[in-house]
Amino acid sequence: MPVAEKEHLIAELKARIAGHVSGTERITSAFPLGAPEIDGVLPGDGMKRGALHEVAAAAYRDMGAATGFLASLAACASRNSTLPVLWCETVRPPFDMGRLYGPGLSAFGLEPERIVLALPPGDADCLWAMEEALHSHAFAAVIGEIDGRSSALNLTATRRLQLAAEASGTPVLLFTGHAQAGASVAVTRWHVASAPSAVLSYVDEKEMLPGASRWRVALTRSRGGQSGSWLVEWNAMEAALSVVVRMEDISSEQEVTVRRELAIIPFRQTA
């Protein structure tokens, strides 16, 4: 992209979001996720705002679950802010999961009207857009979707994002898909897998509905903190996470039993 065109794009973006900005909003140095068991192992009792955080799916089948968890982190990061959230993915999505769906984001506490969606042509442009967004101080959080195998996503690129995040005090959430990510300076790294939700029974055992979304999350890197893994549930009313159980406390036999009992919920069909 020519320099003049990039400068024009920056000016246009700043003009569009100017109405959302009244000075620079910065609340605390960390934002809690709502689950004391997780916040307690993170330095500062929450995820650092001015930092790069990576989210990855445990496997291809967990991509949707990881996207939901990513949205919930963004909701927690922007909970007490009026600023918008930048969600950046390339014109041709890096993952074959389709475009963002507004009502789906809303279910995870991220209202679609707060999203500024950027669609740059390539991974390098996506990284550039994320960095410029951080420099603007105009967003409550910056999200980027870049395949972990991309040559553009290297140690230097993540270092630039980390430095920009530190300078602005804005959290960066980088979704790297299900591929193993390369070298990175990310402060935290999360691996997310799908999990069956609890079953809600309103009438009797034949009238069952799926409960709140659940994920199996593993905090595999936490600079200055501790690692851990939990089965977590999203509380839409509180816009916060809660821990159902630590994964270390579940035996393999118990997990198989839980998945068998809750993976399929029968619905009564009517003609």
Protein backbone atom coordinates (compact mmCIF):
# COMPACT_ATOMS: atom_id res chain seq x y z
CA MET A 1 0.00 0.00 0.00
CA PRO A 2 1.50 3.40 -1.00
CA VAL A 3 2.49 5.73 1.85
CA ALA A 4 0.04 8.43 0.73
CA GLU A 5 -2.82 5.95 0.70
CA LYS A 6 -1.90 4.71 4.18
CA GLU A 7 -1.83 8.28 5.52
CA HIS A 8 -5.23 8.94 3.99
CA LEU A 9 -6.58 5.76 5.57
CA ILE A 10 -5.29 6.79 8.99
CA ALA A 11 -6.86 10.23 8.70
CA GLU A 12 -10.18 8.75 7.61
CA LEU A 13 -10.19 6.23 10.45
CA LYS A 14 -9.41 8.91 13.03
CA ALA A 15 -12.23 11.06 11.69
CA ARG A 16 -14.74 8.20 11.87
CA ILE A 17 -13.98 7.35 15.48
CA ALA A 18 -13.43 10.89 16.75
CA GLY A 19 -16.97 10.99 18.10
CA HIS A 20 -16.20 8.09 20.41
CA VAL A 21 -13.13 9.65 21.97
CA SER A 22 -13.19 12.28 24.71
CA GLY A 23 -9.62 12.39 25.86
CA THR A 24 -7.80 9.12 26.49
CA GLU A 25 -9.75 6.54 28.46
CA ARG A 26 -7.60 4.35 30.67
CA ILE A 27 -9.12 2.67 33.68
CA THR A 28 -6.74 0.24 35.36
CA SER A 29 -3.54 -1.52 34.39
CA ALA A 30 -5.35 -4.88 34.25
CA PHE A 31 -8.86 -6.09 33.51
CA PRO A 32 -10.36 -9.00 35.48
CA LEU A 33 -12.09 -11.91 33.79
CA GLY A 34 -14.49 -12.35 36.69
CA ALA A 35 -13.18 -15.74 37.83
CA PRO A 36 -11.00 -15.36 40.96
CA GLU A 37 -9.33 -18.71 40.26
CA ILE A 38 -7.99 -17.35 36.96
CA ASP A 39 -7.51 -13.70 37.89
CA GLY A 40 -5.48 -14.84 40.90
CA VAL A 41 -2.80 -16.54 38.79
CA LEU A 42 -2.43 -13.50 36.52
CA PRO A 43 -0.10 -10.68 37.65
CA GLY A 44 -2.19 -7.71 38.74
CA ASP A 45 -5.27 -9.89 39.35
CA GLY A 46 -6.27 -9.76 35.70
CA MET A 47 -5.02 -9.51 32.14
CA LYS A 48 -2.63 -6.64 31.55
CA ARG A 49 -4.11 -3.88 29.41
CA GLY A 50 -0.96 -2.63 27.74
CA ALA A 51 0.11 -6.03 26.45
CA LEU A 52 -0.15 -8.59 23.68
CA HIS A 53 -2.25 -11.67 24.45
CA GLU A 54 -2.47 -14.68 22.13
CA VAL A 55 -5.45 -17.01 21.75
CA ALA A 56 -5.26 -20.29 19.82
CA ALA A 57 -7.68 -23.13 19.18
CA ALA A 58 -6.59 -26.52 20.47
CA ALA A 59 -7.67 -28.12 17.17
CA TYR A 60 -9.51 -27.20 14.00
CA ARG A 61 -12.85 -28.30 15.46
CA ASP A 62 -12.33 -25.81 18.31
CA MET A 63 -12.05 -22.71 16.10
CA GLY A 64 -15.60 -21.55 16.85
CA ALA A 65 -15.11 -22.03 20.58
CA ALA A 66 -11.85 -20.06 20.47
CA THR A 67 -13.59 -17.21 18.65
CA GLY A 68 -16.25 -17.10 21.36
CA PHE A 69 -13.59 -17.02 24.07
CA LEU A 70 -11.78 -14.26 22.16
CA ALA A 71 -14.97 -12.20 22.06
CA SER A 72 -15.49 -12.72 25.80
CA LEU A 73 -11.97 -11.44 26.52
CA ALA A 74 -12.68 -8.35 24.42
CA ALA A 75 -15.92 -7.82 26.32
CA CYS A 76 -14.07 -7.98 29.63
CA ALA A 77 -11.39 -5.60 28.35
CA SER A 78 -13.95 -3.01 27.22
CA ARG A 79 -16.44 -3.47 30.07
CA ASN A 80 -16.03 0.01 31.58
CA SER A 81 -15.11 1.89 28.42
CA THR A 82 -17.13 3.79 25.83
CA LEU A 83 -14.46 3.35 23.17
CA PRO A 84 -15.01 0.98 20.24
CA VAL A 85 -13.17 -2.29 19.65
CA LEU A 86 -11.15 -2.86 16.48
CA TRP A 87 -11.50 -6.32 14.93
CA CYS A 88 -9.01 -6.82 12.11
CA GLU A 89 -9.01 -9.69 9.63
CA THR A 90 -7.86 -9.82 6.03
CA VAL A 91 -10.20 -9.37 3.05
CA ARG A 92 -9.90 -13.08 2.49
CA PRO A 93 -10.43 -14.44 6.02
CA PRO A 94 -7.39 -16.35 7.30
CA PHE A 95 -9.64 -19.12 8.60
CA ASP A 96 -12.56 -20.75 6.80
CA MET A 97 -15.03 -19.87 9.54
CA GLY A 98 -16.94 -17.11 7.77
CA ARG A 99 -17.38 -13.49 8.76
CA LEU A 100 -18.29 -12.17 12.18
CA TYR A 101 -21.96 -12.51 13.14
CA GLY A 102 -23.36 -9.62 15.18
CA PRO A 103 -25.94 -11.48 17.32
CA GLY A 104 -23.32 -14.11 18.09
CA LEU A 105 -20.89 -11.48 19.35
CA SER A 106 -23.65 -9.90 21.41
CA ALA A 107 -24.17 -13.22 23.20
CA PHE A 108 -20.60 -12.95 24.45
CA GLY A 109 -20.97 -9.39 25.71
CA LEU A 110 -19.56 -7.63 22.66
CA GLU A 111 -22.23 -5.48 21.07
CA PRO A 112 -21.83 -5.28 17.26
CA GLU A 113 -22.30 -1.50 17.16
CA ARG A 114 -19.07 -1.17 19.13
CA ILE A 115 -17.05 -3.10 16.54
CA VAL A 116 -14.92 -1.35 13.95
CA LEU A 117 -14.19 -4.05 11.38
CA ALA A 118 -10.99 -3.63 9.36
CA LEU A 119 -10.41 -5.75 6.25
CA PRO A 120 -6.84 -5.17 5.03
CA PRO A 121 -5.57 -7.06 1.96
CA GLY A 122 -2.91 -9.16 3.67
CA ASP A 123 -1.32 -10.25 6.94
CA ALA A 124 1.37 -7.55 6.90
CA ASP A 125 -1.33 -4.90 6.36
CA CYS A 126 -3.36 -6.40 9.21
CA LEU A 127 -0.39 -6.07 11.56
CA TRP A 128 0.15 -2.49 10.37
CA ALA A 129 -3.52 -1.62 10.97
CA MET A 130 -3.39 -3.08 14.47
CA GLU A 131 -0.26 -1.12 15.33
CA GLU A 132 -1.70 2.14 14.00
CA ALA A 133 -4.91 1.53 15.96
CA LEU A 134 -2.84 1.22 19.13
CA HIS A 135 -1.01 4.45 18.38
CA SER A 136 -4.37 6.23 17.95
CA HIS A 137 -5.45 5.61 21.60
CA ALA A 138 -8.97 5.36 20.18
CA PHE A 139 -9.92 1.77 21.01
CA ALA A 140 -10.75 -0.15 24.16
CA ALA A 141 -9.14 -3.25 22.65
CA VAL A 142 -7.54 -4.31 19.38
CA ILE A 143 -8.20 -7.78 17.95
CA GLY A 144 -6.39 -9.37 15.04
CA GLU A 145 -6.83 -12.69 13.24
CA ILE A 146 -3.61 -13.96 11.65
CA ASP A 147 -2.69 -17.56 10.94
CA GLY A 148 0.09 -18.63 13.28
CA ARG A 149 1.97 -20.06 10.28
CA SER A 150 2.08 -16.72 8.45
CA SER A 151 5.57 -15.49 7.58
CA ALA A 152 4.43 -11.97 8.51
CA LEU A 153 3.77 -13.05 12.09
CA ASN A 154 7.28 -13.28 13.49
CA LEU A 155 9.12 -12.24 16.62
CA THR A 156 9.71 -8.73 15.31
CA ALA A 157 6.03 -8.23 14.47
CA THR A 158 4.86 -9.35 17.90
CA ARG A 159 7.50 -7.16 19.53
CA ARG A 160 6.19 -4.12 17.66
CA LEU A 161 2.64 -4.90 18.81
CA GLN A 162 3.80 -5.36 22.39
CA LEU A 163 5.66 -2.04 22.42
CA ALA A 164 2.69 -0.22 20.88
CA ALA A 165 0.36 -1.81 23.43
CA GLU A 166 2.61 -0.78 26.31
CA ALA A 167 2.77 2.80 25.05
CA SER A 168 -0.99 3.10 24.61
CA GLY A 169 -2.20 1.01 27.54
CA THR A 170 -4.50 -0.88 25.16
CA PRO A 171 -4.78 -4.68 25.16
CA VAL A 172 -4.07 -6.57 21.93
CA LEU A 173 -5.81 -9.91 21.40
CA LEU A 174 -4.19 -11.96 18.63
CA PHE A 175 -6.04 -15.03 17.33
CA THR A 176 -3.61 -17.41 15.62
CA GLY A 177 -6.02 -20.19 14.68
CA HIS A 178 -5.31 -23.85 15.36
CA ALA A 179 -1.76 -23.94 13.99
CA GLN A 180 1.22 -23.87 16.31
CA ALA A 181 2.32 -20.26 16.65
CA GLY A 182 5.97 -19.33 16.25
CA ALA A 183 8.21 -17.23 18.46
CA SER A 184 6.33 -14.43 20.18
CA VAL A 185 6.70 -11.92 23.00
CA ALA A 186 3.05 -12.28 24.04
CA VAL A 187 2.47 -11.79 27.75
CA THR A 188 -0.16 -14.54 27.87
CA ARG A 189 -1.02 -17.41 25.57
CA TRP A 190 -4.34 -19.26 25.78
CA HIS A 191 -5.34 -22.56 24.18
CA VAL A 192 -9.09 -23.06 23.88
CA ALA A 193 -11.11 -26.22 23.29
CA SER A 194 -14.85 -26.68 23.03
CA ALA A 195 -16.79 -28.18 25.91
CA PRO A 196 -20.41 -29.31 26.33
CA SER A 197 -22.62 -26.85 28.14
CA ALA A 198 -24.72 -27.79 31.12
CA VAL A 199 -28.25 -28.94 30.37
CA LEU A 200 -31.17 -26.75 31.45
CA SER A 201 -34.41 -28.55 32.19
CA TYR A 202 -37.41 -26.23 32.40
CA VAL A 203 -40.25 -28.74 32.42
CA ASP A 204 -39.02 -32.30 32.67
CA GLU A 205 -36.21 -34.49 31.42
CA LYS A 206 -37.70 -34.47 27.93
CA GLU A 207 -37.69 -30.67 27.72
CA MET A 208 -34.02 -29.78 27.85
CA LEU A 209 -32.12 -26.78 26.52
CA PRO A 210 -28.39 -26.10 26.31
CA GLY A 211 -27.02 -23.83 29.01
CA ALA A 212 -24.32 -21.17 28.92
CA SER A 213 -21.28 -21.60 26.70
CA ARG A 214 -18.39 -23.49 28.21
CA TRP A 215 -14.78 -23.84 27.14
CA ARG A 216 -11.75 -25.76 28.26
CA VAL A 217 -9.02 -23.14 28.47
CA ALA A 218 -5.34 -23.61 29.17
CA LEU A 219 -3.16 -20.68 30.13
CA THR A 220 0.13 -21.99 28.76
CA ARG A 221 2.10 -18.76 29.16
CA SER A 222 1.74 -16.05 31.77
CA ARG A 223 4.69 -13.70 32.13
CA GLY A 224 5.09 -12.93 35.81
CA GLY A 225 2.18 -15.24 36.69
CA GLN A 226 1.27 -18.91 36.75
CA SER A 227 -0.13 -21.33 34.19
CA GLY A 228 -3.27 -23.41 34.62
CA SER A 229 -6.22 -25.03 32.89
CA TRP A 230 -9.91 -24.80 33.69
CA LEU A 231 -13.38 -25.64 32.47
CA VAL A 232 -15.00 -22.19 32.31
CA GLU A 233 -18.50 -20.90 31.67
CA TRP A 234 -19.56 -17.55 30.22
CA ASN A 235 -22.05 -15.60 32.33
CA ALA A 236 -23.86 -13.34 29.86
CA MET A 237 -25.73 -11.45 32.60
CA GLU A 238 -22.55 -10.53 34.47
CA ALA A 239 -20.36 -10.35 31.33
CA ALA A 240 -17.77 -12.44 33.14
CA LEU A 241 -16.24 -15.89 33.24
CA SER A 242 -16.70 -18.39 36.03
CA VAL A 243 -14.71 -21.55 36.69
CA VAL A 244 -16.71 -24.77 36.72
CA VAL A 245 -13.76 -26.93 37.72
CA ARG A 246 -10.01 -27.08 37.32
CA MET A 247 -9.06 -29.49 34.57
CA GLU A 248 -6.49 -31.06 36.90
CA ASP A 249 -9.37 -32.16 39.13
CA ILE A 250 -11.13 -34.10 36.35
CA SER A 251 -10.05 -37.66 35.65
CA SER A 252 -10.04 -38.92 32.07
CA GLU A 253 -12.91 -41.29 32.88
CA GLN A 254 -15.01 -38.44 34.30
CA GLU A 255 -14.37 -36.28 31.25
CA VAL A 256 -15.47 -39.03 28.86
CA THR A 257 -18.63 -39.55 30.91
CA VAL A 258 -19.43 -35.84 30.95
CA ARG A 259 -18.92 -35.48 27.21
CA ARG A 260 -21.08 -38.52 26.49
CA GLU A 261 -23.92 -37.25 28.67
CA LEU A 262 -23.91 -33.62 27.54
CA ALA A 263 -22.61 -33.58 23.99
CA ILE A 264 -26.05 -34.32 22.46
CA ILE A 265 -29.26 -32.74 23.69
CA PRO A 266 -32.50 -34.19 22.28
CA PHE A 267 -35.11 -31.79 20.96
CA ARG A 268 -38.72 -32.77 20.40
CA GLN A 269 -39.67 -32.49 16.75
CA THR A 270 -43.11 -31.33 15.72
CA ALA A 271 -44.74 -31.71 12.32
